[in-house]
Structure formats: C-alpha cells, structure tokens
Protein backbone atom coordinates (compact mmCIF):
# COMPACT_ATOMS: atom_id res chain seq x y z
CA MET A 1 -14.41 -7.36 22.01
CA LYS A 2 -15.46 -7.52 18.35
CA ILE A 3 -12.81 -8.89 16.00
CA ALA A 4 -12.82 -9.32 12.22
CA VAL A 5 -10.49 -11.86 10.60
CA VAL A 6 -9.84 -11.46 6.88
CA GLY A 7 -9.16 -14.81 5.25
CA THR A 8 -10.28 -18.20 6.54
CA GLY A 9 -7.31 -20.26 5.52
CA TYR A 10 -5.38 -22.29 8.08
CA VAL A 11 -4.00 -19.31 10.00
CA GLY A 12 -7.09 -17.07 9.84
CA LEU A 13 -9.58 -19.74 10.84
CA VAL A 14 -7.46 -21.03 13.72
CA THR A 15 -6.84 -17.48 14.95
CA GLY A 16 -10.54 -16.64 14.77
CA THR A 17 -11.43 -19.81 16.65
CA CYS A 18 -8.94 -19.05 19.41
CA PHE A 19 -10.29 -15.51 19.82
CA ALA A 20 -13.87 -16.84 19.91
CA GLU A 21 -13.01 -19.41 22.57
CA THR A 22 -11.78 -16.62 24.85
CA GLY A 23 -15.19 -14.91 24.68
CA ASN A 24 -14.71 -12.48 21.80
CA GLN A 25 -17.26 -11.90 19.04
CA VAL A 26 -15.46 -12.92 15.84
CA THR A 27 -16.47 -12.38 12.21
CA CYS A 28 -14.41 -14.18 9.55
CA ILE A 29 -14.40 -12.78 6.02
CA ASP A 30 -13.24 -14.58 2.89
CA ILE A 31 -13.50 -13.97 -0.86
CA ASP A 32 -13.99 -17.70 -1.62
CA GLN A 33 -17.77 -18.25 -1.54
CA ARG A 34 -17.41 -22.05 -1.34
CA LYS A 35 -15.34 -21.73 1.83
CA VAL A 36 -17.92 -19.39 3.37
CA GLU A 37 -20.75 -21.79 2.53
CA LYS A 38 -18.86 -24.71 4.12
CA LEU A 39 -18.28 -22.69 7.29
CA ASN A 40 -21.94 -21.65 7.46
CA ASN A 41 -23.04 -25.27 7.06
CA GLY A 42 -20.77 -26.37 9.90
C-alpha cells in the first residue's frame, strides 16, 4: 500500500515509520525544509 504522511513531527514520523515497518511504501511530507534535509541525510 502507498501511504503519504503530512507532517514529520513526533506523531507523523512515528506513524510513518510504523507503516513502513509493516511493508508499506511511505512518503512523509513536511513544510520545514531543514527537517526534510535531516531526514534525507539519515
């Protein structure tokens, strides 16, 4: 299943991670570019 999570704060990021661990394809979206860059860098 493909899932999009809007917002990568505490709840959004944890939710997206849980969905991904169960085999779903997850895309997280956030307006804060610094947060996105940190996530992309691992």
